[in-house]
């Protein structure tokens, strides 16, 4: 994975949280990853947590209530420290135990769920942080290897058929329904898996952003395996 990261102009590799939050995005680089080989047994934590819905929010108090082995306790301490670092930075981290995300199958020609390549948008300057502690990791692709779906003629034509309003408000319709956030990977695209244990920061579409937002997607989960994901 380190070789994959180091060969990519899209991802900047850093060695500390301070470097992660203080390094600027620049040019094609719209993702930063604090590369880590984590100790500890995260599978033990996943095994002890209770999945109440397809996505269950796990609070720090829930982690502290677990009776863990030494390796499990090491994993818990890492998660709690990541919580502290992000919270002190001003972010609002959420730890999710995931079976799967909800699918958007309303239309057969475009999807707006997180399994589709997409970018995040915010009205204020912010970034997306994520770390997969257990399970399959998210992946990203470069902006040069994807097309915005609303610009693909056949998809745009079908969206036009859906729209029932003034022509000059069509773009607002696309934005309000999040169609404009989703992308189609080119046939030669080379996705990069963000891996397990690495805390990553992805560029978001906002008014002050100096680079293109990072195109990413959630992975299809392995059968019978939950994911443990920190995100904010």
C-alpha atoms as a PDB file:
ATOM      1  CA  UNK A   1       0.000   0.000   0.000  1.00  0.00           C
ATOM      2  CA  UNK A   2       2.828   2.415   0.762  1.00  0.00           C
ATOM      3  CA  UNK A   3       4.168   1.946  -2.751  1.00  0.00           C
ATOM      4  CA  UNK A   4       0.704   2.608  -4.184  1.00  0.00           C
ATOM      5  CA  UNK A   5       0.414   5.787  -2.147  1.00  0.00           C
ATOM      6  CA  UNK A   6       3.917   6.995  -2.888  1.00  0.00           C
ATOM      7  CA  UNK A   7       3.489   6.520  -6.643  1.00  0.00           C
ATOM      8  CA  UNK A   8       0.284   8.568  -6.732  1.00  0.00           C
ATOM      9  CA  UNK A   9       0.382  12.314  -7.369  1.00  0.00           C
ATOM     10  CA  UNK A  10      -3.117  12.487  -5.917  1.00  0.00           C
ATOM     11  CA  UNK A  11      -2.197  11.338  -2.400  1.00  0.00           C
ATOM     12  CA  UNK A  12       0.235  13.039  -0.075  1.00  0.00           C
ATOM     13  CA  UNK A  13       1.716  10.767   2.589  1.00  0.00           C
ATOM     14  CA  UNK A  14       2.317  12.233   6.045  1.00  0.00           C
ATOM     15  CA  UNK A  15       3.715  10.809   9.267  1.00  0.00           C
ATOM     16  CA  UNK A  16       1.735  12.576  12.010  1.00  0.00           C
ATOM     17  CA  UNK A  17      -1.646  14.068  12.763  1.00  0.00           C
ATOM     18  CA  UNK A  18      -0.131  17.545  12.875  1.00  0.00           C
ATOM     19  CA  UNK A  19       1.249  17.079   9.379  1.00  0.00           C
ATOM     20  CA  UNK A  20      -2.074  15.666   8.215  1.00  0.00           C
ATOM     21  CA  UNK A  21      -4.066  18.752   9.224  1.00  0.00           C
ATOM     22  CA  UNK A  22      -1.445  21.359   8.372  1.00  0.00           C
ATOM     23  CA  UNK A  23      -0.365  20.212   4.897  1.00  0.00           C
ATOM     24  CA  UNK A  24      -2.095  22.086   2.078  1.00  0.00           C
ATOM     25  CA  UNK A  25      -3.781  20.413  -0.839  1.00  0.00           C
ATOM     26  CA  UNK A  26      -2.082  21.505  -4.039  1.00  0.00           C
ATOM     27  CA  UNK A  27      -2.371  20.793  -7.762  1.00  0.00           C
ATOM     28  CA  UNK A  28      -3.527  17.219  -8.332  1.00  0.00           C
ATOM     29  CA  UNK A  29      -3.047  16.375  -4.649  1.00  0.00           C
ATOM     30  CA  UNK A  30      -6.490  16.367  -3.055  1.00  0.00           C
ATOM     31  CA  UNK A  31      -5.988  13.533  -0.557  1.00  0.00           C
ATOM     32  CA  UNK A  32      -3.596  13.187   2.370  1.00  0.00           C
ATOM     33  CA  UNK A  33      -3.015   9.988   4.330  1.00  0.00           C
ATOM     34  CA  UNK A  34      -1.328   9.490   7.669  1.00  0.00           C
ATOM     35  CA  UNK A  35       0.087   6.079   6.869  1.00  0.00           C
ATOM     36  CA  UNK A  36       0.007   3.778   9.908  1.00  0.00           C
ATOM     37  CA  UNK A  37       0.582   0.104  10.685  1.00  0.00           C
ATOM     38  CA  UNK A  38      -1.610  -0.157  13.748  1.00  0.00           C
ATOM     39  CA  UNK A  39      -1.109  -2.607  16.589  1.00  0.00           C
ATOM     40  CA  UNK A  40      -4.074  -4.057  18.428  1.00  0.00           C
ATOM     41  CA  UNK A  41      -7.000  -6.358  17.747  1.00  0.00           C
ATOM     42  CA  UNK A  42      -9.780  -4.340  16.096  1.00  0.00           C
ATOM     43  CA  UNK A  43     -11.641  -7.526  15.171  1.00  0.00           C
ATOM     44  CA  UNK A  44     -12.160  -8.176  18.879  1.00  0.00           C
ATOM     45  CA  UNK A  45     -13.848  -4.796  19.234  1.00  0.00           C
ATOM     46  CA  UNK A  46     -16.101  -5.461  16.238  1.00  0.00           C
ATOM     47  CA  UNK A  47     -17.028  -8.873  17.663  1.00  0.00           C
ATOM     48  CA  UNK A  48     -18.128  -7.357  20.978  1.00  0.00           C
ATOM     49  CA  UNK A  49     -20.092  -4.427  19.599  1.00  0.00           C
ATOM     50  CA  UNK A  50     -23.805  -4.898  18.928  1.00  0.00           C
ATOM     51  CA  UNK A  51     -25.174  -3.980  15.522  1.00  0.00           C
ATOM     52  CA  UNK A  52     -28.596  -2.404  16.143  1.00  0.00           C
ATOM     53  CA  UNK A  53     -29.198  -1.206  12.590  1.00  0.00           C
ATOM     54  CA  UNK A  54     -27.323  -1.502   9.298  1.00  0.00           C
ATOM     55  CA  UNK A  55     -25.300   1.495  10.535  1.00  0.00           C
ATOM     56  CA  UNK A  56     -24.778   1.737  14.295  1.00  0.00           C
ATOM     57  CA  UNK A  57     -23.058   4.747  15.857  1.00  0.00           C
ATOM     58  CA  UNK A  58     -20.516   3.706  18.480  1.00  0.00           C
ATOM     59  CA  UNK A  59     -19.793   6.271  21.188  1.00  0.00           C
ATOM     60  CA  UNK A  60     -16.579   6.439  23.237  1.00  0.00           C
ATOM     61  CA  UNK A  61     -18.545   5.293  26.304  1.00  0.00           C
ATOM     62  CA  UNK A  62     -19.567   2.185  24.348  1.00  0.00           C
ATOM     63  CA  UNK A  63     -15.925   1.398  23.677  1.00  0.00           C
ATOM     64  CA  UNK A  64     -14.977   1.988  27.299  1.00  0.00           C
ATOM     65  CA  UNK A  65     -17.650  -0.477  28.446  1.00  0.00           C
ATOM     66  CA  UNK A  66     -16.090  -3.379  26.526  1.00  0.00           C
ATOM     67  CA  UNK A  67     -14.109  -6.053  28.355  1.00  0.00           C
ATOM     68  CA  UNK A  68     -11.080  -6.512  26.128  1.00  0.00           C
ATOM     69  CA  UNK A  69      -7.823  -8.417  25.989  1.00  0.00           C
ATOM     70  CA  UNK A  70      -4.523  -6.570  25.978  1.00  0.00           C
ATOM     71  CA  UNK A  71      -4.544  -6.411  22.173  1.00  0.00           C
ATOM     72  CA  UNK A  72      -8.148  -5.286  22.151  1.00  0.00           C
ATOM     73  CA  UNK A  73      -7.354  -2.587  24.679  1.00  0.00           C
ATOM     74  CA  UNK A  74      -4.502  -1.381  22.452  1.00  0.00           C
ATOM     75  CA  UNK A  75      -6.931  -1.047  19.541  1.00  0.00           C
ATOM     76  CA  UNK A  76      -9.455   0.787  21.711  1.00  0.00           C
ATOM     77  CA  UNK A  77      -6.815   3.257  22.891  1.00  0.00           C
ATOM     78  CA  UNK A  78      -5.914   4.044  19.268  1.00  0.00           C
ATOM     79  CA  UNK A  79      -9.538   4.760  18.347  1.00  0.00           C
ATOM     80  CA  UNK A  80     -10.080   6.939  21.420  1.00  0.00           C
ATOM     81  CA  UNK A  81      -6.893   8.862  20.679  1.00  0.00           C
ATOM     82  CA  UNK A  82      -8.037   9.498  17.098  1.00  0.00           C
ATOM     83  CA  UNK A  83     -11.328  10.763  18.537  1.00  0.00           C
ATOM     84  CA  UNK A  84      -9.418  13.127  20.804  1.00  0.00           C
ATOM     85  CA  UNK A  85      -7.121  14.413  18.068  1.00  0.00           C
ATOM     86  CA  UNK A  86      -9.991  15.147  15.695  1.00  0.00           C
ATOM     87  CA  UNK A  87     -12.198  16.664  18.388  1.00  0.00           C
ATOM     88  CA  UNK A  88      -9.407  18.930  19.617  1.00  0.00           C
ATOM     89  CA  UNK A  89      -8.866  19.987  16.007  1.00  0.00           C
ATOM     90  CA  UNK A  90     -12.502  21.088  15.849  1.00  0.00           C
ATOM     91  CA  UNK A  91     -13.958  18.186  13.892  1.00  0.00           C
ATOM     92  CA  UNK A  92     -16.917  16.018  14.934  1.00  0.00           C
ATOM     93  CA  UNK A  93     -15.833  12.392  14.472  1.00  0.00           C
ATOM     94  CA  UNK A  94     -18.328   9.541  14.347  1.00  0.00           C
ATOM     95  CA  UNK A  95     -17.433   5.874  14.747  1.00  0.00           C
ATOM     96  CA  UNK A  96     -19.721   3.592  12.729  1.00  0.00           C
ATOM     97  CA  UNK A  97     -20.184  -0.142  12.918  1.00  0.00           C
ATOM     98  CA  UNK A  98     -21.380  -0.907   9.397  1.00  0.00           C
ATOM     99  CA  UNK A  99     -23.202  -3.817   7.876  1.00  0.00           C
ATOM    100  CA  UNK A 100     -24.098  -1.824   4.774  1.00  0.00           C
ATOM    101  CA  UNK A 101     -25.303   1.571   3.578  1.00  0.00           C
ATOM    102  CA  UNK A 102     -28.734   2.190   2.132  1.00  0.00           C
ATOM    103  CA  UNK A 103     -28.866   1.706  -1.623  1.00  0.00           C
ATOM    104  CA  UNK A 104     -30.370   4.227  -4.012  1.00  0.00           C
ATOM    105  CA  UNK A 105     -32.113   2.216  -6.712  1.00  0.00           C
ATOM    106  CA  UNK A 106     -34.816   4.712  -7.656  1.00  0.00           C
ATOM    107  CA  UNK A 107     -33.378   5.127 -11.169  1.00  0.00           C
ATOM    108  CA  UNK A 108     -31.552   2.618 -13.323  1.00  0.00           C
ATOM    109  CA  UNK A 109     -29.265   5.216 -14.934  1.00  0.00           C
ATOM    110  CA  UNK A 110     -27.897   7.163 -11.953  1.00  0.00           C
ATOM    111  CA  UNK A 111     -27.395   6.475  -8.254  1.00  0.00           C
ATOM    112  CA  UNK A 112     -26.754   8.922  -5.416  1.00  0.00           C
ATOM    113  CA  UNK A 113     -25.690   6.481  -2.697  1.00  0.00           C
ATOM    114  CA  UNK A 114     -22.171   6.325  -1.280  1.00  0.00           C
ATOM    115  CA  UNK A 115     -21.265   3.227  -3.296  1.00  0.00           C
ATOM    116  CA  UNK A 116     -21.241   5.530  -6.326  1.00  0.00           C
ATOM    117  CA  UNK A 117     -18.111   7.585  -6.930  1.00  0.00           C
ATOM    118  CA  UNK A 118     -18.874  11.010  -5.502  1.00  0.00           C
ATOM    119  CA  UNK A 119     -17.449  14.131  -3.915  1.00  0.00           C
ATOM    120  CA  UNK A 120     -18.484  15.785  -0.667  1.00  0.00           C
ATOM    121  CA  UNK A 121     -19.776  19.368  -0.592  1.00  0.00           C
ATOM    122  CA  UNK A 122     -19.944  21.893   2.215  1.00  0.00           C
ATOM    123  CA  UNK A 123     -21.001  25.555   2.392  1.00  0.00           C
ATOM    124  CA  UNK A 124     -18.022  26.233   4.687  1.00  0.00           C
ATOM    125  CA  UNK A 125     -14.324  25.397   4.533  1.00  0.00           C
ATOM    126  CA  UNK A 126     -13.886  21.868   5.818  1.00  0.00           C
ATOM    127  CA  UNK A 127     -12.388  18.485   4.904  1.00  0.00           C
ATOM    128  CA  UNK A 128     -13.517  14.875   5.127  1.00  0.00           C
ATOM    129  CA  UNK A 129     -11.545  12.646   7.487  1.00  0.00           C
ATOM    130  CA  UNK A 130     -11.912   8.884   7.515  1.00  0.00           C
ATOM    131  CA  UNK A 131     -10.197   5.774   8.817  1.00  0.00           C
ATOM    132  CA  UNK A 132     -11.238   2.159   8.336  1.00  0.00           C
ATOM    133  CA  UNK A 133     -10.078   0.160  11.370  1.00  0.00           C
ATOM    134  CA  UNK A 134     -11.612  -3.117  10.256  1.00  0.00           C
ATOM    135  CA  UNK A 135     -13.217  -4.400   7.073  1.00  0.00           C
ATOM    136  CA  UNK A 136     -12.963  -3.261   3.484  1.00  0.00           C
ATOM    137  CA  UNK A 137     -11.569   0.227   2.879  1.00  0.00           C
ATOM    138  CA  UNK A 138     -12.923   3.062   0.746  1.00  0.00           C
ATOM    139  CA  UNK A 139     -11.197   3.932  -2.516  1.00  0.00           C
ATOM    140  CA  UNK A 140     -10.531   7.082  -4.508  1.00  0.00           C
ATOM    141  CA  UNK A 141      -9.800   7.907  -8.133  1.00  0.00           C
ATOM    142  CA  UNK A 142      -8.140  10.918  -9.718  1.00  0.00           C
ATOM    143  CA  UNK A 143     -10.365  13.611 -11.198  1.00  0.00           C
ATOM    144  CA  UNK A 144      -8.752  13.017 -14.594  1.00  0.00           C
ATOM    145  CA  UNK A 145     -10.053   9.428 -14.550  1.00  0.00           C
ATOM    146  CA  UNK A 146     -13.738  10.250 -14.061  1.00  0.00           C
ATOM    147  CA  UNK A 147     -16.607  12.100 -15.731  1.00  0.00           C
ATOM    148  CA  UNK A 148     -19.282  14.015 -13.860  1.00  0.00           C
ATOM    149  CA  UNK A 149     -22.397  11.948 -14.530  1.00  0.00           C
ATOM    150  CA  UNK A 150     -24.615  14.961 -15.281  1.00  0.00           C
ATOM    151  CA  UNK A 151     -22.327  15.802 -18.224  1.00  0.00           C
ATOM    152  CA  UNK A 152     -22.717  12.382 -19.850  1.00  0.00           C
ATOM    153  CA  UNK A 153     -25.218  13.110 -22.671  1.00  0.00           C
ATOM    154  CA  UNK A 154     -27.497  10.096 -22.232  1.00  0.00           C
ATOM    155  CA  UNK A 155     -27.710  10.604 -18.451  1.00  0.00           C
ATOM    156  CA  UNK A 156     -28.291  14.338 -18.799  1.00  0.00           C
ATOM    157  CA  UNK A 157     -31.086  13.687 -21.286  1.00  0.00           C
ATOM    158  CA  UNK A 158     -32.831  11.326 -18.884  1.00  0.00           C
ATOM    159  CA  UNK A 159     -32.473  13.837 -16.041  1.00  0.00           C
ATOM    160  CA  UNK A 160     -34.023  16.457 -18.313  1.00  0.00           C
ATOM    161  CA  UNK A 161     -37.013  14.164 -18.783  1.00  0.00           C
ATOM    162  CA  UNK A 162     -37.349  13.874 -15.000  1.00  0.00           C
ATOM    163  CA  UNK A 163     -37.233  17.615 -14.464  1.00  0.00           C
ATOM    164  CA  UNK A 164     -40.474  19.577 -14.532  1.00  0.00           C
ATOM    165  CA  UNK A 165     -39.638  23.249 -14.190  1.00  0.00           C
ATOM    166  CA  UNK A 166     -38.093  26.345 -15.794  1.00  0.00           C
ATOM    167  CA  UNK A 167     -35.073  25.646 -17.994  1.00  0.00           C
ATOM    168  CA  UNK A 168     -32.949  28.205 -16.156  1.00  0.00           C
ATOM    169  CA  UNK A 169     -33.417  26.302 -12.867  1.00  0.00           C
ATOM    170  CA  UNK A 170     -32.340  22.886 -14.183  1.00  0.00           C
ATOM    171  CA  UNK A 171     -28.862  23.199 -12.680  1.00  0.00           C
ATOM    172  CA  UNK A 172     -30.442  23.945  -9.289  1.00  0.00           C
ATOM    173  CA  UNK A 173     -32.503  20.763  -9.655  1.00  0.00           C
ATOM    174  CA  UNK A 174     -29.331  18.753 -10.274  1.00  0.00           C
ATOM    175  CA  UNK A 175     -27.629  20.255  -7.232  1.00  0.00           C
ATOM    176  CA  UNK A 176     -30.599  19.985  -4.881  1.00  0.00           C
ATOM    177  CA  UNK A 177     -30.918  16.283  -5.668  1.00  0.00           C
ATOM    178  CA  UNK A 178     -27.144  15.665  -5.405  1.00  0.00           C
ATOM    179  CA  UNK A 179     -26.911  14.394  -8.987  1.00  0.00           C
ATOM    180  CA  UNK A 180     -24.012  16.770  -9.661  1.00  0.00           C
ATOM    181  CA  UNK A 181     -21.870  15.172  -6.935  1.00  0.00           C
ATOM    182  CA  UNK A 182     -21.619  11.793  -8.653  1.00  0.00           C
ATOM    183  CA  UNK A 183     -19.052  10.550 -11.155  1.00  0.00           C
ATOM    184  CA  UNK A 184     -18.519   7.732 -13.625  1.00  0.00           C
ATOM    185  CA  UNK A 185     -15.059   6.162 -13.653  1.00  0.00           C
ATOM    186  CA  UNK A 186     -13.387   5.919 -17.032  1.00  0.00           C
ATOM    187  CA  UNK A 187     -12.644   2.383 -18.289  1.00  0.00           C
ATOM    188  CA  UNK A 188      -8.908   2.857 -17.670  1.00  0.00           C
ATOM    189  CA  UNK A 189      -9.335   4.344 -14.177  1.00  0.00           C
ATOM    190  CA  UNK A 190      -7.054   2.949 -11.489  1.00  0.00           C
ATOM    191  CA  UNK A 191      -8.790   3.217  -8.108  1.00  0.00           C
ATOM    192  CA  UNK A 192      -6.578   3.485  -5.034  1.00  0.00           C
ATOM    193  CA  UNK A 193      -7.778   1.717  -1.884  1.00  0.00           C
ATOM    194  CA  UNK A 194      -7.200   3.866   1.181  1.00  0.00           C
ATOM    195  CA  UNK A 195      -6.359   0.792   3.221  1.00  0.00           C
ATOM    196  CA  UNK A 196      -6.927  -0.201   6.835  1.00  0.00           C
ATOM    197  CA  UNK A 197      -5.596   1.874   9.714  1.00  0.00           C
ATOM    198  CA  UNK A 198      -4.616   4.974   7.765  1.00  0.00           C
ATOM    199  CA  UNK A 199      -6.262   8.253   8.770  1.00  0.00           C
ATOM    200  CA  UNK A 200      -7.015  10.126   5.571  1.00  0.00           C
ATOM    201  CA  UNK A 201      -8.100  13.671   4.774  1.00  0.00           C
ATOM    202  CA  UNK A 202      -9.992  14.302   1.536  1.00  0.00           C
ATOM    203  CA  UNK A 203     -10.639  17.630  -0.182  1.00  0.00           C
ATOM    204  CA  UNK A 204     -14.268  18.790  -0.146  1.00  0.00           C
ATOM    205  CA  UNK A 205     -16.100  21.041  -2.592  1.00  0.00           C
ATOM    206  CA  UNK A 206     -16.524  24.384  -0.807  1.00  0.00           C
ATOM    207  CA  UNK A 207     -16.172  28.076  -1.755  1.00  0.00           C
ATOM    208  CA  UNK A 208     -12.594  28.426  -0.491  1.00  0.00           C
ATOM    209  CA  UNK A 209     -11.233  25.166  -1.887  1.00  0.00           C
ATOM    210  CA  UNK A 210      -8.106  25.588  -4.045  1.00  0.00           C
ATOM    211  CA  UNK A 211      -8.151  22.079  -5.581  1.00  0.00           C
ATOM    212  CA  UNK A 212     -10.726  19.784  -7.130  1.00  0.00           C
ATOM    213  CA  UNK A 213     -12.680  17.771  -4.547  1.00  0.00           C
ATOM    214  CA  UNK A 214     -11.576  14.182  -3.989  1.00  0.00           C
ATOM    215  CA  UNK A 215     -13.688  11.562  -5.775  1.00  0.00           C
ATOM    216  CA  UNK A 216     -14.271   8.541  -3.545  1.00  0.00           C
ATOM    217  CA  UNK A 217     -16.743   5.779  -2.773  1.00  0.00           C
ATOM    218  CA  UNK A 218     -17.642   3.288  -0.092  1.00  0.00           C
ATOM    219  CA  UNK A 219     -16.653  -0.319  -0.820  1.00  0.00           C
ATOM    220  CA  UNK A 220     -19.055  -3.200  -1.192  1.00  0.00           C
ATOM    221  CA  UNK A 221     -18.780  -5.010   2.122  1.00  0.00           C
ATOM    222  CA  UNK A 222     -17.542  -8.564   2.389  1.00  0.00           C
ATOM    223  CA  UNK A 223     -20.309 -11.061   3.090  1.00  0.00           C
ATOM    224  CA  UNK A 224     -20.718 -11.570   6.830  1.00  0.00           C
ATOM    225  CA  UNK A 225     -18.091  -8.962   7.733  1.00  0.00           C
ATOM    226  CA  UNK A 226     -18.787  -5.636   9.400  1.00  0.00           C
ATOM    227  CA  UNK A 227     -16.740  -2.485   8.880  1.00  0.00           C
ATOM    228  CA  UNK A 228     -15.495  -0.242  11.683  1.00  0.00           C
ATOM    229  CA  UNK A 229     -15.150   3.264  10.252  1.00  0.00           C
ATOM    230  CA  UNK A 230     -14.269   6.615  11.792  1.00  0.00           C
ATOM    231  CA  UNK A 231     -15.548   9.514   9.699  1.00  0.00           C
ATOM    232  CA  UNK A 232     -16.165  13.241   9.957  1.00  0.00           C
END
